Amino acid sequence: MKYLAKLILNSIRQGCLYVMSRPLFLVSIVAIPLVSAFLMLNLMSSGLANDVPVAIVDLDGSEMSRSIAANIDAMQTTRVVMTCNSFGEARAAVQEGKIMGFFLIPENFSSEAVAGRNPEMSYYTNYAYIVPASLMFKGFKTVSVLSNGSLVKATLTSAGLADGSVSAMLQPIVADMHMLGNPWMSYPIYMSNSFIPGILALMAMIVTVFSITDEIKRGTSPMWLESCGGSMMVALIGRLAPQTLLFTLTGWIIQLVIFGWLDFPLHCSIATMMAAMLLLVLACQAMGVIVCCIVPNMRLALSVCSLLSVLAFSISGFTLPVENMYGWVGIISYILPIRYYFLIYIDQALNGIDLYYSRYYFIALLLFVLLSLVPLGNLKRMCRRPVYIP
């Protein structure tokens, strides 16, 4: 037992020297996640995007059209920065980047509306920028629907119907909406706690793969294994333990900034999210070990980890619910560790449900660590007889 403890301590000492010998490790483990977190939090510091610049093409020039333009300018998400005289002028402004979209009111709009001829209003959005375009589209659509409702109400009222009866006809069911978890509709609250840990997970997998395959590439893996008593387990513990500590501390710093300084919603104990961060780091390192066991080649292993990590941003449920994906794509999302951290964040930090109901997500992260022990025999054979294929 003492001999095993001595081997582990000696392996950890070698792992610390290995990390300190290359500044690139500290850059990858500490600097890149922290800088990425700073850039993302600073970029989205205002929360929901507001005052998207738009234009109005008013070919009617009536009091009704001016009222519609005023309503668009009064929307929180849009701001009218210019009035154009034609479709071509507005389109040119979009192409020049002066505006993100425009709302077109046709000629004789008010007269045709009063006559009940169903005039059409058009709005154009630049979906090259999906977030502001979506908000702008929502604002344009809201104004057009409300304008249509006000026209119908005016027509029915002039026909002799009571005001209350008209309102009941236009909106028979009044929706009472309450947004849970993120009632402010703040993008950073949702996205920062998914993309920033995703970048940390990406770096954890890449650094793990590099640390292992670097020994095979340089042909020093037999000496590395021999210095750990021929135990692949001891060798991995010593090599990865210092990295685990640094990655976890970096993740905890990010969490303290997000939940403490920036005061993001946290309806659970901070210790719960810190434990989830530790398990995320361990699970991502375990995923890197599994990749090395299957593909013990630096170039291919790094490519596989990069592909899996980048795909995680799309198929882990950040941007599109897994339930709405194709079946085989949704299955892939369950083999990515970041998904379970994301689900823990949603359940615990945002919704504040009992920890008991998130137990399976914690167990799933632990399973990655246990599964990485299964194929270690193949990695040990490769380390004993390294063959590097460029």
Protein backbone atom coordinates (compact mmCIF):
# COMPACT_ATOMS: atom_id res chain seq x y z
CA MET A 1 0.00 0.00 0.00
CA LYS A 2 2.82 2.36 0.87
CA TYR A 3 4.56 1.42 -2.37
CA LEU A 4 1.41 2.29 -4.38
CA ALA A 5 1.03 5.61 -2.56
CA LYS A 6 4.67 6.40 -3.27
CA LEU A 7 4.19 5.60 -6.95
CA ILE A 8 1.12 7.84 -7.17
CA LEU A 9 2.85 10.75 -5.42
CA ASN A 10 5.90 10.40 -7.66
CA SER A 11 3.63 10.26 -10.73
CA ILE A 12 1.77 13.38 -9.62
CA ARG A 13 5.09 15.18 -9.10
CA GLN A 14 6.09 14.25 -12.66
CA GLY A 15 2.69 15.45 -13.88
CA CYS A 16 3.22 18.82 -12.21
CA LEU A 17 6.67 19.17 -13.79
CA TYR A 18 5.18 18.18 -17.16
CA VAL A 19 2.55 20.93 -16.95
CA MET A 20 5.01 23.57 -15.75
CA SER A 21 7.54 22.66 -18.44
CA ARG A 22 5.30 23.99 -21.20
CA PRO A 23 3.65 27.43 -20.91
CA LEU A 24 1.17 26.30 -23.57
CA PHE A 25 -0.52 24.10 -20.96
CA LEU A 26 -1.19 27.05 -18.65
CA VAL A 27 -2.46 29.07 -21.61
CA SER A 28 -4.83 26.27 -22.64
CA ILE A 29 -5.99 25.40 -19.13
CA VAL A 30 -6.29 28.85 -17.54
CA ALA A 31 -5.94 31.69 -20.04
CA ILE A 32 -8.19 30.51 -22.88
CA PRO A 33 -11.26 29.65 -20.70
CA LEU A 34 -10.91 32.87 -18.66
CA VAL A 35 -10.42 35.10 -21.70
CA SER A 36 -13.32 33.40 -23.49
CA ALA A 37 -15.51 33.92 -20.43
CA PHE A 38 -14.54 37.59 -20.23
CA LEU A 39 -15.24 38.20 -23.93
CA MET A 40 -18.61 36.45 -23.87
CA LEU A 41 -19.80 38.07 -20.65
CA ASN A 42 -18.64 41.49 -21.83
CA LEU A 43 -20.20 41.01 -25.28
CA MET A 44 -23.58 40.16 -23.76
CA SER A 45 -23.40 42.53 -20.80
CA SER A 46 -26.57 44.35 -21.86
CA GLY A 47 -28.66 41.17 -21.66
CA LEU A 48 -31.27 41.06 -24.40
CA ALA A 49 -30.32 42.90 -27.58
CA ASN A 50 -32.25 46.19 -27.81
CA ASP A 51 -32.63 49.05 -30.27
CA VAL A 52 -31.88 47.11 -33.45
CA PRO A 53 -31.55 49.79 -36.17
CA VAL A 54 -34.39 49.64 -38.70
CA ALA A 55 -35.96 51.89 -41.34
CA ILE A 56 -39.49 52.77 -42.35
CA VAL A 57 -40.62 52.97 -45.97
CA ASP A 58 -43.84 54.97 -45.69
CA LEU A 59 -45.41 55.24 -49.14
CA ASP A 60 -48.79 56.17 -47.68
CA GLY A 61 -47.94 59.22 -45.59
CA SER A 62 -51.19 59.08 -43.64
CA GLU A 63 -51.85 59.51 -39.94
CA MET A 64 -52.37 55.75 -39.66
CA SER A 65 -49.01 54.93 -41.28
CA ARG A 66 -47.23 57.45 -39.04
CA SER A 67 -48.84 55.79 -36.03
CA ILE A 68 -47.52 52.39 -37.15
CA ALA A 69 -44.02 53.86 -37.57
CA ALA A 70 -44.23 55.37 -34.07
CA ASN A 71 -45.25 51.98 -32.64
CA ILE A 72 -42.24 50.31 -34.27
CA ASP A 73 -39.93 52.94 -32.82
CA ALA A 74 -41.53 52.47 -29.40
CA MET A 75 -40.75 48.73 -29.37
CA GLN A 76 -37.93 47.77 -27.00
CA THR A 77 -36.12 45.70 -29.60
CA THR A 78 -36.24 48.11 -32.56
CA ARG A 79 -35.23 51.71 -33.17
CA VAL A 80 -36.15 53.65 -36.32
CA VAL A 81 -32.96 55.36 -37.47
CA MET A 82 -34.05 56.48 -40.92
CA THR A 83 -37.08 56.91 -43.18
CA CYS A 84 -36.66 55.81 -46.80
CA ASN A 85 -38.62 56.92 -49.81
CA SER A 86 -38.51 53.64 -51.74
CA PHE A 87 -37.86 49.93 -51.46
CA GLY A 88 -34.59 50.29 -53.37
CA GLU A 89 -33.26 52.94 -51.00
CA ALA A 90 -34.07 50.78 -47.97
CA ARG A 91 -32.51 47.71 -49.55
CA ALA A 92 -29.32 49.64 -50.28
CA ALA A 93 -29.20 50.76 -46.63
CA VAL A 94 -29.41 47.11 -45.54
CA GLN A 95 -26.62 46.11 -47.91
CA GLU A 96 -24.44 48.96 -46.62
CA GLY A 97 -25.00 47.82 -43.03
CA LYS A 98 -26.75 51.02 -41.93
CA ILE A 99 -29.88 49.12 -40.86
CA MET A 100 -30.79 45.50 -40.10
CA GLY A 101 -34.19 45.57 -41.81
CA PHE A 102 -37.11 47.77 -42.82
CA PHE A 103 -40.89 47.95 -42.63
CA LEU A 104 -42.77 48.87 -45.80
CA ILE A 105 -46.19 50.53 -45.74
CA PRO A 106 -47.71 50.57 -49.29
CA GLU A 107 -49.47 53.42 -51.05
CA ASN A 108 -53.14 54.03 -50.23
CA PHE A 109 -52.74 51.81 -47.17
CA SER A 110 -55.08 53.77 -44.89
CA SER A 111 -57.84 54.24 -47.48
CA GLU A 112 -57.82 50.57 -48.45
CA ALA A 113 -57.79 49.53 -44.81
CA VAL A 114 -60.80 51.69 -44.00
CA ALA A 115 -62.57 50.33 -47.10
CA GLY A 116 -61.88 46.77 -45.95
CA ARG A 117 -59.77 45.78 -48.96
CA ASN A 118 -57.09 43.98 -46.87
CA PRO A 119 -53.95 45.94 -47.77
CA GLU A 120 -50.62 44.20 -47.18
CA MET A 121 -47.73 45.47 -45.06
CA SER A 122 -44.28 44.01 -45.75
CA TYR A 123 -41.19 43.76 -43.57
CA TYR A 124 -37.70 42.64 -44.50
CA THR A 125 -35.00 41.40 -42.14
CA ASN A 126 -31.32 40.60 -42.62
CA TYR A 127 -30.94 37.06 -41.27
CA ALA A 128 -27.18 37.10 -41.73
CA TYR A 129 -27.27 38.17 -38.07
CA ILE A 130 -29.72 35.70 -36.60
CA VAL A 131 -30.20 37.11 -33.08
CA PRO A 132 -31.00 40.76 -33.95
CA ALA A 133 -32.93 39.59 -37.02
CA SER A 134 -35.12 37.31 -34.87
CA LEU A 135 -35.83 40.10 -32.39
CA MET A 136 -36.56 42.54 -35.21
CA PHE A 137 -38.87 40.05 -36.93
CA LYS A 138 -40.74 39.54 -33.68
CA GLY A 139 -41.18 43.30 -33.25
CA PHE A 140 -42.36 43.82 -36.83
CA LYS A 141 -44.81 40.94 -36.56
CA THR A 142 -46.21 42.22 -33.28
CA VAL A 143 -46.82 45.68 -34.71
CA SER A 144 -48.48 44.29 -37.84
CA VAL A 145 -50.80 42.03 -35.83
CA LEU A 146 -51.74 44.84 -33.44
CA SER A 147 -52.35 47.20 -36.35
CA ASN A 148 -54.62 44.65 -37.99
CA GLY A 149 -56.52 44.21 -34.72
CA SER A 150 -56.97 47.95 -34.29
CA LEU A 151 -58.34 48.26 -37.83
CA VAL A 152 -60.87 45.48 -37.25
CA LYS A 153 -61.85 47.03 -33.93
CA ALA A 154 -62.39 50.44 -35.54
CA THR A 155 -64.49 48.88 -38.32
CA LEU A 156 -66.70 46.90 -35.94
CA THR A 157 -67.09 49.83 -33.56
CA SER A 158 -68.19 52.08 -36.43
CA ALA A 159 -70.73 49.39 -37.37
CA GLY A 160 -72.39 49.81 -33.97
CA LEU A 161 -70.89 47.04 -31.82
CA ALA A 162 -70.03 47.81 -28.22
CA ASP A 163 -66.37 48.23 -27.29
CA GLY A 164 -66.42 45.29 -24.86
CA SER A 165 -68.02 42.96 -27.41
CA VAL A 166 -65.40 43.84 -30.02
CA SER A 167 -62.55 43.15 -27.59
CA ALA A 168 -64.07 39.77 -26.72
CA MET A 169 -64.35 38.88 -30.39
CA LEU A 170 -60.77 39.88 -31.19
CA GLN A 171 -59.25 38.17 -28.16
CA PRO A 172 -61.69 35.62 -26.70
CA ILE A 173 -58.94 34.04 -24.56
CA VAL A 174 -56.46 36.24 -22.73
CA ALA A 175 -53.09 34.54 -22.25
CA ASP A 176 -51.39 35.10 -18.89
CA MET A 177 -47.74 34.24 -19.51
CA HIS A 178 -45.09 33.78 -16.84
CA MET A 179 -41.53 32.95 -17.97
CA LEU A 180 -39.79 30.67 -15.50
CA GLY A 181 -36.08 30.56 -14.76
CA ASN A 182 -35.21 33.56 -16.93
CA PRO A 183 -38.09 36.07 -16.76
CA TRP A 184 -35.80 38.86 -17.92
CA MET A 185 -35.27 37.10 -21.28
CA SER A 186 -31.56 37.74 -20.78
CA TYR A 187 -29.34 35.94 -23.26
CA PRO A 188 -26.26 35.81 -20.98
CA ILE A 189 -28.16 33.92 -18.28
CA TYR A 190 -28.85 31.12 -20.73
CA MET A 191 -25.96 31.20 -23.18
CA SER A 192 -23.02 32.09 -20.93
CA ASN A 193 -23.65 29.10 -18.71
CA SER A 194 -23.65 26.78 -21.69
CA PHE A 195 -20.99 28.11 -24.05
CA ILE A 196 -18.37 29.04 -21.45
CA PRO A 197 -18.38 25.57 -19.80
CA GLY A 198 -18.42 24.16 -23.34
CA ILE A 199 -15.13 25.94 -24.11
CA LEU A 200 -13.68 24.64 -20.84
CA ALA A 201 -14.79 21.11 -21.75
CA LEU A 202 -13.22 21.46 -25.21
CA MET A 203 -9.87 22.46 -23.73
CA ALA A 204 -10.01 19.68 -21.11
CA MET A 205 -10.44 17.03 -23.80
CA ILE A 206 -7.76 18.46 -26.08
CA VAL A 207 -5.15 18.91 -23.32
CA THR A 208 -5.83 15.38 -22.03
CA VAL A 209 -5.38 13.85 -25.47
CA PHE A 210 -2.21 15.82 -26.12
CA SER A 211 -0.71 14.87 -22.75
CA ILE A 212 -1.12 11.17 -23.46
CA THR A 213 -0.37 10.95 -27.18
CA ASP A 214 2.63 13.25 -26.82
CA GLU A 215 4.47 10.44 -25.00
CA ILE A 216 3.59 7.97 -27.78
CA LYS A 217 4.63 10.42 -30.49
CA ARG A 218 8.04 11.09 -28.90
CA GLY A 219 8.57 7.40 -28.12
CA THR A 220 8.96 8.08 -24.37
CA SER A 221 5.80 6.26 -23.30
CA PRO A 222 7.68 3.06 -22.17
CA MET A 223 9.83 5.13 -19.78
CA TRP A 224 6.75 7.05 -18.61
CA LEU A 225 4.96 3.78 -17.89
CA GLU A 226 8.01 2.24 -16.22
CA SER A 227 8.41 5.22 -13.88
CA CYS A 228 4.85 4.53 -12.67
CA GLY A 229 5.52 0.88 -11.87
CA GLY A 230 4.04 -0.34 -15.15
CA SER A 231 0.54 0.78 -14.09
CA MET A 232 -1.42 2.68 -16.71
CA MET A 233 -3.83 3.82 -14.01
CA VAL A 234 -1.07 5.35 -11.88
CA ALA A 235 0.45 6.99 -14.95
CA LEU A 236 -2.88 8.63 -15.90
CA ILE A 237 -3.62 9.75 -12.34
CA GLY A 238 -0.24 11.43 -12.06
CA ARG A 239 -0.41 13.03 -15.51
CA LEU A 240 -3.99 14.28 -15.28
CA ALA A 241 -4.39 15.17 -11.58
CA PRO A 242 -2.56 18.56 -11.82
CA GLN A 243 -4.59 19.39 -14.92
CA THR A 244 -7.81 18.40 -13.15
CA LEU A 245 -6.97 20.77 -10.32
CA LEU A 246 -6.18 23.69 -12.63
CA PHE A 247 -9.23 23.15 -14.86
CA THR A 248 -11.51 22.86 -11.82
CA LEU A 249 -10.10 26.00 -10.19
CA THR A 250 -10.55 27.88 -13.47
CA GLY A 251 -14.15 26.66 -13.71
CA TRP A 252 -14.83 27.65 -10.11
CA ILE A 253 -13.45 31.14 -10.71
CA ILE A 254 -15.80 31.51 -13.69
CA GLN A 255 -18.75 30.27 -11.62
CA LEU A 256 -17.96 32.67 -8.76
CA VAL A 257 -17.84 35.56 -11.23
CA ILE A 258 -21.10 34.53 -12.89
CA PHE A 259 -23.13 33.68 -9.79
CA GLY A 260 -21.41 35.98 -7.31
CA TRP A 261 -20.21 39.14 -8.99
CA LEU A 262 -22.67 39.26 -11.90
CA ASP A 263 -25.50 37.90 -9.75
CA PHE A 264 -26.89 35.42 -12.26
CA PRO A 265 -29.85 33.34 -10.95
CA LEU A 266 -28.71 30.63 -8.55
CA HIS A 267 -31.60 28.79 -6.90
CA CYS A 268 -29.38 26.12 -5.39
CA SER A 269 -26.25 25.93 -3.31
CA ILE A 270 -23.08 27.18 -5.02
CA ALA A 271 -21.50 23.93 -3.84
CA THR A 272 -23.87 22.02 -6.14
CA MET A 273 -22.66 23.85 -9.22
CA MET A 274 -19.03 23.60 -8.11
CA ALA A 275 -19.43 19.83 -7.73
CA ALA A 276 -20.99 19.71 -11.21
CA MET A 277 -17.98 21.62 -12.58
CA LEU A 278 -15.55 19.16 -10.99
CA LEU A 279 -17.47 16.22 -12.46
CA LEU A 280 -17.58 17.94 -15.86
CA VAL A 281 -13.79 18.28 -15.89
CA LEU A 282 -13.32 14.64 -14.83
CA ALA A 283 -15.85 13.44 -17.43
CA CYS A 284 -14.18 15.41 -20.24
CA GLN A 285 -10.75 14.08 -19.27
CA ALA A 286 -12.22 10.57 -19.20
CA MET A 287 -13.66 11.18 -22.67
CA GLY A 288 -10.20 12.20 -23.83
CA VAL A 289 -8.72 9.00 -22.36
CA ILE A 290 -11.35 6.91 -24.16
CA VAL A 291 -10.49 8.59 -27.46
CA CYS A 292 -6.78 7.88 -26.87
CA CYS A 293 -7.54 4.22 -26.13
CA ILE A 294 -9.42 3.88 -29.42
CA VAL A 295 -7.25 6.18 -31.57
CA PRO A 296 -3.74 6.36 -30.01
CA ASN A 297 -2.53 8.81 -32.67
CA MET A 298 -2.08 12.47 -31.77
CA ARG A 299 -3.35 13.96 -35.02
CA LEU A 300 -6.42 11.74 -35.29
CA ALA A 301 -7.24 11.84 -31.57
CA LEU A 302 -7.08 15.64 -31.46
CA SER A 303 -9.28 15.81 -34.56
CA VAL A 304 -11.86 13.48 -33.01
CA CYS A 305 -11.95 15.48 -29.75
CA SER A 306 -12.23 18.77 -31.59
CA LEU A 307 -15.08 17.41 -33.72
CA LEU A 308 -16.98 16.06 -30.71
CA SER A 309 -16.49 19.27 -28.73
CA VAL A 310 -17.59 21.55 -31.56
CA LEU A 311 -20.62 19.36 -32.27
CA ALA A 312 -21.52 19.63 -28.60
CA PHE A 313 -22.43 23.29 -29.12
CA SER A 314 -25.05 22.23 -31.68
CA ILE A 315 -26.39 18.87 -30.51
CA SER A 316 -26.22 19.08 -26.71
CA GLY A 317 -29.44 21.07 -26.44
CA PHE A 318 -27.97 24.58 -26.17
CA THR A 319 -29.50 25.96 -29.35
CA LEU A 320 -32.09 23.33 -30.29
CA PRO A 321 -34.01 20.96 -27.99
CA VAL A 322 -32.84 17.38 -28.34
CA GLU A 323 -36.48 16.28 -28.67
CA ASN A 324 -36.74 18.23 -31.95
CA MET A 325 -33.64 16.66 -33.51
CA TYR A 326 -33.49 13.63 -35.78
CA GLY A 327 -33.44 10.46 -33.70
CA TRP A 328 -29.85 9.44 -34.44
CA VAL A 329 -28.59 12.99 -33.80
CA GLY A 330 -30.40 13.13 -30.46
CA ILE A 331 -28.74 9.86 -29.42
CA ILE A 332 -25.29 11.35 -30.05
CA SER A 333 -26.06 14.20 -27.65
CA TYR A 334 -26.21 11.73 -24.76
CA ILE A 335 -22.56 10.69 -25.19
CA LEU A 336 -21.29 14.25 -24.65
CA PRO A 337 -20.47 15.21 -21.02
CA ILE A 338 -21.35 18.89 -21.46
CA ARG A 339 -25.02 18.01 -21.97
CA TYR A 340 -25.34 16.68 -18.42
CA TYR A 341 -23.70 19.77 -16.93
CA PHE A 342 -26.13 21.89 -18.94
CA LEU A 343 -29.10 19.91 -17.61
CA ILE A 344 -27.79 20.26 -14.04
CA TYR A 345 -27.54 24.03 -14.55
CA ILE A 346 -31.10 24.23 -15.86
CA ASP A 347 -32.56 22.07 -13.07
CA GLN A 348 -30.55 23.41 -10.15
CA ALA A 349 -29.45 27.00 -10.84
CA LEU A 350 -32.42 28.17 -12.92
CA ASN A 351 -35.33 26.05 -11.70
CA GLY A 352 -34.09 25.22 -8.20
CA ILE A 353 -35.67 21.78 -8.07
CA ASP A 354 -34.68 19.23 -5.45
CA LEU A 355 -31.22 17.76 -5.96
CA TYR A 356 -32.75 14.28 -5.94
CA TYR A 357 -34.28 14.83 -9.39
CA SER A 358 -30.89 15.69 -10.93
CA ARG A 359 -29.14 12.63 -9.54
CA TYR A 360 -29.05 10.84 -12.89
CA TYR A 361 -27.08 13.68 -14.48
CA PHE A 362 -24.43 13.52 -11.75
CA ILE A 363 -24.30 9.74 -12.14
CA ALA A 364 -23.92 10.10 -15.91
CA LEU A 365 -20.85 12.30 -15.45
CA LEU A 366 -19.37 9.74 -13.07
CA LEU A 367 -20.04 6.96 -15.57
CA PHE A 368 -17.69 8.60 -18.05
CA VAL A 369 -14.88 8.22 -15.52
CA LEU A 370 -15.73 4.56 -14.90
CA LEU A 371 -16.08 3.77 -18.61
CA SER A 372 -12.62 5.17 -19.29
CA LEU A 373 -11.15 2.36 -17.17
CA VAL A 374 -12.43 -0.36 -19.51
CA PRO A 375 -10.17 0.15 -22.56
CA LEU A 376 -6.98 1.02 -20.64
CA GLY A 377 -5.43 -2.29 -21.66
CA ASN A 378 -5.19 -1.18 -25.29
CA LEU A 379 -3.61 2.13 -24.28
CA LYS A 380 -1.08 0.30 -22.09
CA ARG A 381 -0.06 -1.92 -25.01
CA MET A 382 0.41 1.12 -27.23
CA CYS A 383 2.50 2.84 -24.56
CA ARG A 384 4.74 -0.20 -24.19
CA ARG A 385 5.31 -0.43 -27.94
CA PRO A 386 4.75 3.04 -29.34
CA VAL A 387 4.27 3.34 -33.07
CA TYR A 388 3.70 6.86 -34.30
CA ILE A 389 2.00 7.26 -37.66
CA PRO A 390 2.20 10.89 -38.87
